[in-house]
C-alpha atoms as a PDB file:
ATOM      1  CA  MET A   1       1.653  17.940  -8.386  1.00  0.00           C
ATOM      2  CA  HIS A   2       1.205  14.070  -9.470  1.00  0.00           C
ATOM      3  CA  LYS A   3      -2.387  13.281  -9.812  1.00  0.00           C
ATOM      4  CA  PRO A   4      -3.678  10.414  -7.363  1.00  0.00           C
ATOM      5  CA  VAL A   5      -5.575   7.221  -8.912  1.00  0.00           C
ATOM      6  CA  MET A   6      -8.662   6.545  -8.698  1.00  0.00           C
ATOM      7  CA  VAL A   7      -9.447  10.037  -6.495  1.00  0.00           C
ATOM      8  CA  ASN A   8     -12.494  11.240  -7.649  1.00  0.00           C
ATOM      9  CA  GLU A   9     -14.050   8.050  -6.744  1.00  0.00           C
ATOM     10  CA  VAL A  10     -12.285   8.046  -3.616  1.00  0.00           C
ATOM     11  CA  LEU A  11     -13.779  11.696  -2.781  1.00  0.00           C
ATOM     12  CA  LYS A  12     -16.785  10.439  -3.815  1.00  0.00           C
ATOM     13  CA  VAL A  13     -17.176   7.742  -1.412  1.00  0.00           C
ATOM     14  CA  LEU A  14     -15.395   9.729   0.952  1.00  0.00           C
ATOM     15  CA  ALA A  15     -17.764  12.631   0.276  1.00  0.00           C
ATOM     16  CA  PRO A  16     -15.765  15.406   2.839  1.00  0.00           C
ATOM     17  CA  LEU A  17     -17.796  17.293   4.575  1.00  0.00           C
ATOM     18  CA  ASP A  18     -17.005  21.104   6.461  1.00  0.00           C
ATOM     19  CA  GLN A  19     -15.072  20.839   9.926  1.00  0.00           C
ATOM     20  CA  GLU A  20     -14.769  17.291  10.531  1.00  0.00           C
ATOM     21  CA  THR A  21     -11.085  15.369  10.353  1.00  0.00           C
ATOM     22  CA  TYR A  22      -9.824  12.541   8.124  1.00  0.00           C
ATOM     23  CA  ILE A  23      -6.367  10.499   7.901  1.00  0.00           C
ATOM     24  CA  ASP A  24      -4.391  10.238   4.761  1.00  0.00           C
ATOM     25  CA  ALA A  25      -3.002   7.181   5.865  1.00  0.00           C
ATOM     26  CA  THR A  26      -0.507   6.966   2.864  1.00  0.00           C
ATOM     27  CA  PHE A  27       0.707  10.966   2.392  1.00  0.00           C
ATOM     28  CA  GLY A  28       3.397  10.031  -0.458  1.00  0.00           C
ATOM     29  CA  ALA A  29       2.857  13.017  -2.733  1.00  0.00           C
ATOM     30  CA  GLY A  30       0.097  14.684  -0.954  1.00  0.00           C
ATOM     31  CA  GLY A  31      -2.294  14.067  -3.461  1.00  0.00           C
ATOM     32  CA  TYR A  32      -5.156  12.357  -2.172  1.00  0.00           C
ATOM     33  CA  SER A  33      -4.486  15.569   1.216  1.00  0.00           C
ATOM     34  CA  LYS A  34      -5.091  17.820  -1.467  1.00  0.00           C
ATOM     35  CA  ALA A  35      -7.728  16.752  -3.177  1.00  0.00           C
ATOM     36  CA  ILE A  36      -9.828  16.684   0.078  1.00  0.00           C
ATOM     37  CA  LEU A  37      -8.447  19.867   1.988  1.00  0.00           C
ATOM     38  CA  ASP A  38      -9.886  21.097  -1.408  1.00  0.00           C
ATOM     39  CA  LYS A  39     -12.566  19.211  -1.553  1.00  0.00           C
ATOM     40  CA  ALA A  40     -14.430  20.429   1.874  1.00  0.00           C
ATOM     41  CA  LYS A  41     -13.191  22.658   4.875  1.00  0.00           C
ATOM     42  CA  CYS A  42     -12.264  19.887   6.883  1.00  0.00           C
ATOM     43  CA  SER A  43      -8.975  18.989   8.503  1.00  0.00           C
ATOM     44  CA  VAL A  44      -6.090  16.279   7.354  1.00  0.00           C
ATOM     45  CA  ILE A  45      -4.404  13.972   9.233  1.00  0.00           C
ATOM     46  CA  ALA A  46      -1.661  12.623   7.725  1.00  0.00           C
ATOM     47  CA  LEU A  47       0.941   9.386   8.069  1.00  0.00           C
ATOM     48  CA  ASP A  48       4.301   8.492   5.851  1.00  0.00           C
ATOM     49  CA  ARG A  49       6.872   6.427   6.932  1.00  0.00           C
ATOM     50  CA  ASP A  50       8.409   7.941   4.470  1.00  0.00           C
ATOM     51  CA  PRO A  51      11.469  11.324   6.015  1.00  0.00           C
ATOM     52  CA  ASP A  52      11.494  12.655   2.197  1.00  0.00           C
ATOM     53  CA  ALA A  53       7.478  12.525   2.839  1.00  0.00           C
ATOM     54  CA  LYS A  54       7.968  14.321   5.657  1.00  0.00           C
ATOM     55  CA  LYS A  55       9.661  17.725   3.401  1.00  0.00           C
ATOM     56  CA  ARG A  56       7.340  17.536   1.461  1.00  0.00           C
ATOM     57  CA  ALA A  57       4.219  17.493   3.460  1.00  0.00           C
ATOM     58  CA  GLN A  58       6.079  20.895   5.250  1.00  0.00           C
ATOM     59  CA  LEU A  59       4.788  22.884   2.236  1.00  0.00           C
ATOM     60  CA  PHE A  60       1.332  21.669   2.675  1.00  0.00           C
ATOM     61  CA  GLU A  61       1.457  22.801   6.625  1.00  0.00           C
ATOM     62  CA  SER A  62       1.774  26.211   5.440  1.00  0.00           C
ATOM     63  CA  HIS A  63      -0.384  26.732   3.082  1.00  0.00           C
ATOM     64  CA  TYR A  64      -3.383  24.654   4.820  1.00  0.00           C
ATOM     65  CA  GLN A  65      -2.417  26.546   7.688  1.00  0.00           C
ATOM     66  CA  GLY A  66      -4.441  24.732  11.118  1.00  0.00           C
ATOM     67  CA  ARG A  67      -6.435  21.680   8.421  1.00  0.00           C
ATOM     68  CA  PHE A  68      -2.912  19.812   8.438  1.00  0.00           C
ATOM     69  CA  SER A  69      -0.577  17.797   9.686  1.00  0.00           C
ATOM     70  CA  PHE A  70       1.808  14.840   9.343  1.00  0.00           C
ATOM     71  CA  PHE A  71       3.450  12.889  11.694  1.00  0.00           C
ATOM     72  CA  GLU A  72       5.732  10.486  10.609  1.00  0.00           C
ATOM     73  CA  GLY A  73       5.535   6.529  10.316  1.00  0.00           C
ATOM     74  CA  ARG A  74       4.165   3.110   9.735  1.00  0.00           C
ATOM     75  CA  PHE A  75       0.601   3.448   9.617  1.00  0.00           C
ATOM     76  CA  GLY A  76       0.176   0.314  11.314  1.00  0.00           C
ATOM     77  CA  ASP A  77       1.258   2.531  14.364  1.00  0.00           C
ATOM     78  CA  MET A  78      -0.801   4.502  14.038  1.00  0.00           C
ATOM     79  CA  SER A  79      -2.957   4.236  16.846  1.00  0.00           C
ATOM     80  CA  GLN A  80       0.229   5.112  18.797  1.00  0.00           C
ATOM     81  CA  LEU A  81       1.391   8.016  16.229  1.00  0.00           C
ATOM     82  CA  ILE A  82      -2.193  10.385  15.671  1.00  0.00           C
ATOM     83  CA  PRO A  83      -3.726  11.851  18.430  1.00  0.00           C
ATOM     84  CA  ALA A  84      -5.933   9.513  20.157  1.00  0.00           C
ATOM     85  CA  LYS A  85     -10.143  10.533  18.729  1.00  0.00           C
ATOM     86  CA  HIS A  86     -12.429   8.988  16.371  1.00  0.00           C
ATOM     87  CA  TYR A  87     -12.255  10.753  12.495  1.00  0.00           C
ATOM     88  CA  ASP A  88     -14.380  10.778  10.423  1.00  0.00           C
ATOM     89  CA  GLY A  89     -13.087   8.765   7.518  1.00  0.00           C
ATOM     90  CA  ILE A  90      -9.317   7.109   6.791  1.00  0.00           C
ATOM     91  CA  VAL A  91      -7.757   6.806   3.117  1.00  0.00           C
ATOM     92  CA  PHE A  92      -4.870   4.277   2.338  1.00  0.00           C
ATOM     93  CA  ASP A  93      -3.034   4.136  -1.003  1.00  0.00           C
ATOM     94  CA  LEU A  94      -0.863   1.439  -0.969  1.00  0.00           C
ATOM     95  CA  GLY A  95       1.937   0.682  -2.745  1.00  0.00           C
ATOM     96  CA  VAL A  96       4.751   2.956  -3.274  1.00  0.00           C
ATOM     97  CA  SER A  97       4.794   6.123  -4.251  1.00  0.00           C
ATOM     98  CA  SER A  98       5.253   8.401  -7.436  1.00  0.00           C
ATOM     99  CA  PRO A  99       8.637   9.737  -5.940  1.00  0.00           C
ATOM    100  CA  GLN A 100       9.758   7.087  -4.676  1.00  0.00           C
ATOM    101  CA  LEU A 101       9.280   4.618  -8.256  1.00  0.00           C
ATOM    102  CA  ASP A 102      10.612   8.721  -9.722  1.00  0.00           C
ATOM    103  CA  GLU A 103      13.719   8.331  -7.972  1.00  0.00           C
ATOM    104  CA  ALA A 104      16.379   6.207  -8.529  1.00  0.00           C
ATOM    105  CA  GLU A 105      18.822   6.782  -6.008  1.00  0.00           C
ATOM    106  CA  ARG A 106      15.492   5.008  -4.028  1.00  0.00           C
ATOM    107  CA  GLY A 107      16.260   1.572  -5.918  1.00  0.00           C
ATOM    108  CA  PHE A 108      12.002   1.060  -6.535  1.00  0.00           C
ATOM    109  CA  SER A 109      12.639   0.755 -10.676  1.00  0.00           C
ATOM    110  CA  PHE A 110      13.559  -1.742 -12.609  1.00  0.00           C
ATOM    111  CA  LYS A 111      13.502   1.118 -14.934  1.00  0.00           C
ATOM    112  CA  THR A 112      16.083   2.879 -14.362  1.00  0.00           C
ATOM    113  CA  GLU A 113      19.275   1.807 -12.523  1.00  0.00           C
ATOM    114  CA  GLY A 114      20.120   2.742  -9.068  1.00  0.00           C
ATOM    115  CA  PRO A 115      21.124   0.996  -5.811  1.00  0.00           C
ATOM    116  CA  LEU A 116      18.851  -2.047  -5.438  1.00  0.00           C
ATOM    117  CA  ASP A 117      17.020  -0.133  -1.735  1.00  0.00           C
ATOM    118  CA  MET A 118      14.189  -0.137  -1.799  1.00  0.00           C
ATOM    119  CA  ARG A 119      13.526   0.623   1.522  1.00  0.00           C
ATOM    120  CA  MET A 120      10.702   2.624   2.123  1.00  0.00           C
ATOM    121  CA  ASP A 121      11.769   4.579   5.666  1.00  0.00           C
ATOM    122  CA  LYS A 122      15.739   4.285   4.455  1.00  0.00           C
ATOM    123  CA  LYS A 123      16.327   1.565   7.708  1.00  0.00           C
ATOM    124  CA  GLY A 124      16.782  -2.189   8.137  1.00  0.00           C
ATOM    125  CA  LEU A 125      17.974  -4.583   5.289  1.00  0.00           C
ATOM    126  CA  SER A 126      17.505  -3.059   1.681  1.00  0.00           C
ATOM    127  CA  ALA A 127      17.156  -5.468  -1.578  1.00  0.00           C
ATOM    128  CA  ALA A 128      20.500  -5.793  -1.901  1.00  0.00           C
ATOM    129  CA  ASP A 129      21.161  -7.329   1.609  1.00  0.00           C
ATOM    130  CA  ILE A 130      18.309  -9.947   0.693  1.00  0.00           C
ATOM    131  CA  VAL A 131      19.152 -10.899  -2.757  1.00  0.00           C
ATOM    132  CA  ASN A 132      23.516 -11.200  -1.334  1.00  0.00           C
ATOM    133  CA  THR A 133      22.986 -13.509   2.425  1.00  0.00           C
ATOM    134  CA  TYR A 134      19.829 -14.734   2.061  1.00  0.00           C
ATOM    135  CA  ASP A 135      19.981 -19.034   0.912  1.00  0.00           C
ATOM    136  CA  GLU A 136      18.425 -19.882  -2.152  1.00  0.00           C
ATOM    137  CA  LYS A 137      15.626 -21.709  -0.654  1.00  0.00           C
ATOM    138  CA  GLU A 138      14.606 -18.609   1.050  1.00  0.00           C
ATOM    139  CA  ILE A 139      14.866 -15.919  -2.135  1.00  0.00           C
ATOM    140  CA  ALA A 140      12.252 -19.216  -4.042  1.00  0.00           C
ATOM    141  CA  ARG A 141       9.645 -18.430  -1.429  1.00  0.00           C
ATOM    142  CA  ILE A 142      10.200 -14.967  -1.015  1.00  0.00           C
ATOM    143  CA  LEU A 143       9.787 -14.092  -4.875  1.00  0.00           C
ATOM    144  CA  TRP A 144       7.054 -16.735  -5.168  1.00  0.00           C
ATOM    145  CA  GLU A 145       4.723 -16.237  -2.198  1.00  0.00           C
ATOM    146  CA  TYR A 146       5.305 -12.118  -2.629  1.00  0.00           C
ATOM    147  CA  GLY A 147       5.119 -11.842  -6.334  1.00  0.00           C
ATOM    148  CA  GLU A 148       3.319 -14.980  -7.409  1.00  0.00           C
ATOM    149  CA  GLU A 149       6.279 -15.398  -9.933  1.00  0.00           C
ATOM    150  CA  ARG A 150       6.263 -18.816 -11.334  1.00  0.00           C
ATOM    151  CA  LYS A 151       9.732 -18.826 -11.872  1.00  0.00           C
ATOM    152  CA  SER A 152      10.998 -17.958  -8.772  1.00  0.00           C
ATOM    153  CA  ARG A 153      13.453 -21.325  -8.419  1.00  0.00           C
ATOM    154  CA  LEU A 154      14.865 -20.619 -11.025  1.00  0.00           C
ATOM    155  CA  ILE A 155      15.712 -17.091 -10.349  1.00  0.00           C
ATOM    156  CA  ALA A 156      16.564 -17.628  -7.311  1.00  0.00           C
ATOM    157  CA  HIS A 157      19.425 -19.699  -8.236  1.00  0.00           C
ATOM    158  CA  ALA A 158      20.156 -18.024 -10.731  1.00  0.00           C
ATOM    159  CA  ILE A 159      20.939 -14.850  -8.289  1.00  0.00           C
ATOM    160  CA  LEU A 160      22.806 -17.416  -6.007  1.00  0.00           C
ATOM    161  CA  GLU A 161      25.000 -18.584  -9.227  1.00  0.00           C
ATOM    162  CA  LYS A 162      25.602 -14.755  -9.722  1.00  0.00           C
ATOM    163  CA  ARG A 163      26.360 -13.471  -6.706  1.00  0.00           C
ATOM    164  CA  LYS A 164      29.351 -15.736  -6.953  1.00  0.00           C
ATOM    165  CA  GLU A 165      31.160 -14.236  -9.649  1.00  0.00           C
ATOM    166  CA  ARG A 166      30.289 -10.560  -7.387  1.00  0.00           C
ATOM    167  CA  PRO A 167      27.113  -9.219  -5.315  1.00  0.00           C
ATOM    168  CA  PHE A 168      23.693  -7.469  -6.468  1.00  0.00           C
ATOM    169  CA  THR A 169      24.498  -3.642  -6.334  1.00  0.00           C
ATOM    170  CA  THR A 170      22.153  -2.138  -8.558  1.00  0.00           C
ATOM    171  CA  THR A 171      18.530  -2.860  -9.793  1.00  0.00           C
ATOM    172  CA  ALA A 172      19.555  -2.619 -13.902  1.00  0.00           C
ATOM    173  CA  GLN A 173      21.833  -6.171 -12.643  1.00  0.00           C
ATOM    174  CA  LEU A 174      19.296  -7.575 -11.000  1.00  0.00           C
ATOM    175  CA  ALA A 175      16.198  -6.570 -13.722  1.00  0.00           C
ATOM    176  CA  HIS A 176      18.713  -8.189 -16.494  1.00  0.00           C
ATOM    177  CA  LEU A 177      18.869 -11.545 -14.683  1.00  0.00           C
ATOM    178  CA  VAL A 178      14.975 -11.680 -14.086  1.00  0.00           C
ATOM    179  CA  ARG A 179      14.738 -10.978 -17.464  1.00  0.00           C
ATOM    180  CA  ASP A 180      17.194 -13.234 -19.054  1.00  0.00           C
ATOM    181  CA  ILE A 181      14.998 -15.968 -17.408  1.00  0.00           C
ATOM    182  CA  VAL A 182      11.236 -15.305 -17.546  1.00  0.00           C
ATOM    183  CA  GLY A 183      11.643 -13.737 -20.877  1.00  0.00           C
ATOM    184  CA  PHE A 184       9.405 -11.205 -22.179  1.00  0.00           C
ATOM    185  CA  GLU A 185       5.484 -13.043 -21.880  1.00  0.00           C
ATOM    186  CA  ARG A 186       3.221  -9.762 -23.116  1.00  0.00           C
ATOM    187  CA  PRO A 187       3.550  -6.785 -24.005  1.00  0.00           C
ATOM    188  CA  GLY A 188       3.562  -3.983 -22.137  1.00  0.00           C
ATOM    189  CA  PHE A 189       4.507  -6.192 -18.618  1.00  0.00           C
ATOM    190  CA  ASP A 190       8.501  -6.395 -18.037  1.00  0.00           C
ATOM    191  CA  PRO A 191       9.222  -9.734 -16.857  1.00  0.00           C
ATOM    192  CA  ALA A 192      10.906  -7.634 -13.489  1.00  0.00           C
ATOM    193  CA  THR A 193       7.385  -6.678 -12.248  1.00  0.00           C
ATOM    194  CA  ARG A 194       6.655  -9.717 -10.336  1.00  0.00           C
ATOM    195  CA  THR A 195      10.651 -10.878  -8.194  1.00  0.00           C
ATOM    196  CA  PHE A 196      10.923  -6.964  -7.656  1.00  0.00           C
ATOM    197  CA  GLN A 197       7.529  -6.278  -6.288  1.00  0.00           C
ATOM    198  CA  ALA A 198       8.341  -9.702  -3.867  1.00  0.00           C
ATOM    199  CA  LEU A 199      11.197  -8.004  -3.476  1.00  0.00           C
ATOM    200  CA  ARG A 200       9.517  -4.257  -2.141  1.00  0.00           C
ATOM    201  CA  LEU A 201       6.638  -6.294  -0.192  1.00  0.00           C
ATOM    202  CA  TYR A 202       9.501  -8.449   2.332  1.00  0.00           C
ATOM    203  CA  VAL A 203      11.895  -5.370   2.697  1.00  0.00           C
ATOM    204  CA  ASN A 204       8.629  -3.225   3.973  1.00  0.00           C
ATOM    205  CA  ASP A 205       6.517  -5.900   5.199  1.00  0.00           C
ATOM    206  CA  GLU A 206       4.387  -4.181   3.187  1.00  0.00           C
ATOM    207  CA  LEU A 207       1.198  -7.286   4.374  1.00  0.00           C
ATOM    208  CA  GLY A 208       1.612  -7.506   7.930  1.00  0.00           C
ATOM    209  CA  GLU A 209       1.615  -3.497   8.346  1.00  0.00           C
ATOM    210  CA  LEU A 210      -1.713  -3.213   6.609  1.00  0.00           C
ATOM    211  CA  GLU A 211      -3.442  -5.995   8.424  1.00  0.00           C
ATOM    212  CA  LYS A 212      -1.707  -3.537  11.961  1.00  0.00           C
ATOM    213  CA  GLY A 213      -3.826  -0.876   9.542  1.00  0.00           C
ATOM    214  CA  LEU A 214      -6.809  -2.113   9.305  1.00  0.00           C
ATOM    215  CA  GLU A 215      -7.214  -3.729  12.293  1.00  0.00           C
ATOM    216  CA  CYS A 216      -6.293   0.454  13.367  1.00  0.00           C
ATOM    217  CA  SER A 217      -8.412   2.061  11.419  1.00  0.00           C
ATOM    218  CA  GLU A 218     -11.397  -0.174  12.890  1.00  0.00           C
ATOM    219  CA  ASN A 219     -10.840   1.375  16.011  1.00  0.00           C
ATOM    220  CA  LEU A 220     -10.073   4.494  15.210  1.00  0.00           C
ATOM    221  CA  LEU A 221     -13.293   5.551  13.341  1.00  0.00           C
ATOM    222  CA  LYS A 222     -16.270   7.354  14.231  1.00  0.00           C
ATOM    223  CA  ASP A 223     -19.926   5.548  13.459  1.00  0.00           C
ATOM    224  CA  GLY A 224     -20.513   6.229  10.470  1.00  0.00           C
ATOM    225  CA  GLY A 225     -16.655   6.835   9.141  1.00  0.00           C
ATOM    226  CA  ARG A 226     -14.793   5.089   6.397  1.00  0.00           C
ATOM    227  CA  LEU A 227     -12.720   3.166   5.667  1.00  0.00           C
ATOM    228  CA  ILE A 228     -11.016   3.666   1.800  1.00  0.00           C
ATOM    229  CA  VAL A 229      -7.889   1.692   0.424  1.00  0.00           C
ATOM    230  CA  VAL A 230      -6.708   1.705  -2.902  1.00  0.00           C
ATOM    231  CA  SER A 231      -4.248  -1.526  -4.178  1.00  0.00           C
ATOM    232  CA  PHE A 232      -2.460  -2.563  -6.765  1.00  0.00           C
ATOM    233  CA  HIS A 233      -0.843  -5.506  -5.855  1.00  0.00           C
ATOM    234  CA  SER A 234      -3.627  -9.142  -6.110  1.00  0.00           C
ATOM    235  CA  LEU A 235      -1.780 -10.472  -2.559  1.00  0.00           C
ATOM    236  CA  GLU A 236      -3.062  -6.620  -1.076  1.00  0.00           C
ATOM    237  CA  ASP A 237      -6.305  -6.837  -2.123  1.00  0.00           C
ATOM    238  CA  ARG A 238      -7.162 -10.567  -1.463  1.00  0.00           C
ATOM    239  CA  LEU A 239      -6.590  -9.249   1.938  1.00  0.00           C
ATOM    240  CA  VAL A 240      -8.156  -6.956   2.130  1.00  0.00           C
ATOM    241  CA  LYS A 241     -10.711  -7.940   1.007  1.00  0.00           C
ATOM    242  CA  THR A 242     -11.035 -10.615   3.220  1.00  0.00           C
ATOM    243  CA  PHE A 243     -10.645  -8.687   6.008  1.00  0.00           C
ATOM    244  CA  PHE A 244     -14.108  -5.880   5.119  1.00  0.00           C
ATOM    245  CA  LYS A 245     -15.584  -9.395   4.483  1.00  0.00           C
ATOM    246  CA  LYS A 246     -15.117 -10.312   7.692  1.00  0.00           C
ATOM    247  CA  ARG A 247     -15.996  -7.566   9.149  1.00  0.00           C
ATOM    248  CA  SER A 248     -19.130  -7.353   7.652  1.00  0.00           C
ATOM    249  CA  GLY A 249     -20.183 -10.367   8.859  1.00  0.00           C
ATOM    250  CA  GLY A 250     -19.695 -12.240   5.555  1.00  0.00           C
ATOM    251  CA  LEU A 251     -17.717 -14.927   6.084  1.00  0.00           C
ATOM    252  CA  PRO A 252     -19.271 -18.850   7.389  1.00  0.00           C
ATOM    253  CA  HIS A 253     -18.647 -18.817  10.969  1.00  0.00           C
ATOM    254  CA  PRO A 254     -16.730 -22.141  11.559  1.00  0.00           C
ATOM    255  CA  SER A 255     -19.336 -23.572  13.921  1.00  0.00           C
ATOM    256  CA  ARG A 256     -22.518 -23.061  14.716  1.00  0.00           C
ATOM    257  CA  PHE A 257     -21.797 -24.096  18.174  1.00  0.00           C
ATOM    258  CA  VAL A 258     -19.470 -21.056  18.636  1.00  0.00           C
ATOM    259  CA  PRO A 259     -20.740 -19.251  21.141  1.00  0.00           C
ATOM    260  CA  GLU A 260     -21.777 -15.911  20.062  1.00  0.00           C
ATOM    261  CA  THR A 261     -19.376 -13.929  22.580  1.00  0.00           C
ATOM    262  CA  GLN A 262     -16.583 -15.322  20.649  1.00  0.00           C
ATOM    263  CA  LYS A 263     -17.805 -14.760  17.448  1.00  0.00           C
ATOM    264  CA  ALA A 264     -16.018 -11.491  15.369  1.00  0.00           C
ATOM    265  CA  PRO A 265     -18.692  -8.480  15.224  1.00  0.00           C
ATOM    266  CA  ILE A 266     -19.855  -6.875  13.103  1.00  0.00           C
ATOM    267  CA  THR A 267     -18.140  -3.460  12.614  1.00  0.00           C
ATOM    268  CA  PHE A 268     -18.374  -2.373   8.647  1.00  0.00           C
ATOM    269  CA  HIS A 269     -21.557  -1.865   6.293  1.00  0.00           C
ATOM    270  CA  LEU A 270     -20.640  -3.066   2.844  1.00  0.00           C
ATOM    271  CA  THR A 271     -22.584  -1.235   0.104  1.00  0.00           C
ATOM    272  CA  ASN A 272     -20.550  -2.109  -2.495  1.00  0.00           C
ATOM    273  CA  LYS A 273     -18.861  -5.968  -1.673  1.00  0.00           C
ATOM    274  CA  LYS A 274     -17.108  -5.842  -5.019  1.00  0.00           C
ATOM    275  CA  ALA A 275     -13.889  -3.611  -6.418  1.00  0.00           C
ATOM    276  CA  LEU A 276     -14.705  -0.383  -8.206  1.00  0.00           C
ATOM    277  CA  LEU A 277     -12.015  -0.135 -11.176  1.00  0.00           C
ATOM    278  CA  PRO A 278     -10.035   2.986 -12.417  1.00  0.00           C
ATOM    279  CA  GLU A 279     -12.567   4.590 -15.619  1.00  0.00           C
ATOM    280  CA  GLU A 280     -10.338   3.500 -19.328  1.00  0.00           C
ATOM    281  CA  SER A 281      -9.243   7.334 -19.357  1.00  0.00           C
ATOM    282  CA  GLU A 282      -7.967   6.834 -16.005  1.00  0.00           C
ATOM    283  CA  ILE A 283      -6.110   4.031 -17.832  1.00  0.00           C
ATOM    284  CA  LYS A 284      -5.217   5.671 -21.057  1.00  0.00           C
ATOM    285  CA  GLU A 285      -3.596   8.761 -18.214  1.00  0.00           C
ATOM    286  CA  ASN A 286      -2.265   7.344 -16.174  1.00  0.00           C
ATOM    287  CA  PRO A 287      -1.060   3.266 -17.736  1.00  0.00           C
ATOM    288  CA  ARG A 288      -0.584   3.058 -13.510  1.00  0.00           C
ATOM    289  CA  SER A 289      -4.152   3.010 -12.179  1.00  0.00           C
ATOM    290  CA  ARG A 290      -4.929   0.034 -14.965  1.00  0.00           C
ATOM    291  CA  SER A 291      -4.150  -2.155 -11.670  1.00  0.00           C
ATOM    292  CA  ALA A 292      -5.971  -0.174  -9.117  1.00  0.00           C
ATOM    293  CA  ARG A 293      -8.691  -1.589  -7.105  1.00  0.00           C
ATOM    294  CA  LEU A 294     -10.595   0.265  -4.467  1.00  0.00           C
ATOM    295  CA  ARG A 295     -12.698  -1.049  -2.109  1.00  0.00           C
ATOM    296  CA  TRP A 296     -14.258   0.570   1.531  1.00  0.00           C
ATOM    297  CA  GLY A 297     -16.843   0.229   3.969  1.00  0.00           C
ATOM    298  CA  ILE A 298     -18.836   2.299   6.395  1.00  0.00           C
ATOM    299  CA  ARG A 299     -17.974   2.036  10.131  1.00  0.00           C
ATOM    300  CA  VAL A 300     -21.262  -0.165  11.360  1.00  0.00           C
ATOM    301  CA  LYS A 301     -22.779   2.191  14.742  1.00  0.00           C
ATOM    302  CA  GLY A 302     -22.861   1.073  17.648  1.00  0.00           C
ATOM    303  CA  ASN A 303     -20.027  -1.978  16.880  1.00  0.00           C
ATOM    304  CA  SER A 304     -16.923  -1.437  18.581  1.00  0.00           C
END
């Protein structure tokens, strides 16, 4: 099984105990679920919107009998998906799972040729639909807002010109076009990275789901429960950082005249306000971890 990113740091912060129940909000290949279940005689409830994850989860259900259960769906809907109770900890591993990246037919990777898809739950608009039907201005906006791609307008214009000849159907078609425009800026960084990230985030509404998932977690955690988020994208990390800052009283109030009843309650305590980074040894072993950022907070007692 692929080792999940920053698993040692996650276990240290989560500190699993016997008889407690935790939520793995992004099951993927099951790396975090396995690590938690092996650390203590606890229970894990896992979620994933990818229907392929359900097949992998079935092995866990038979191996960890009575201690593991899986629910298919978006973590933004977890309050409706899982049993209504308060949990001891919740873990998010954002972005694309290893199986999604490794399977060319899912269309997430620009390193291998596959259909231009990128849908985590295999439903709705695909990346190809967006590239082939959206207008130039909207494509440029997506690439800029979700990928922070400085050459978003040039790429969008080139996409519209190219699709006049034939529609985009594969990851290789799009990757080659972007590489020609952006050029290789630095060793080890593919010029198509930002464009593919932008389309993936947009196709799956990942930022919107993250906002909803964090709010769900706030309500599902018991007093003293831990919320842990590992992110790989600056936009995701910024959203998580702002959430924790706001919920821990770190953001300034707009006015001292605002009544206390209208001010956001403090629901998390942050023992470490800075993000934890992966060890150099892990980055060497797994280059995917180089952009990982881990943020976490403890649910404050008596505030809801």
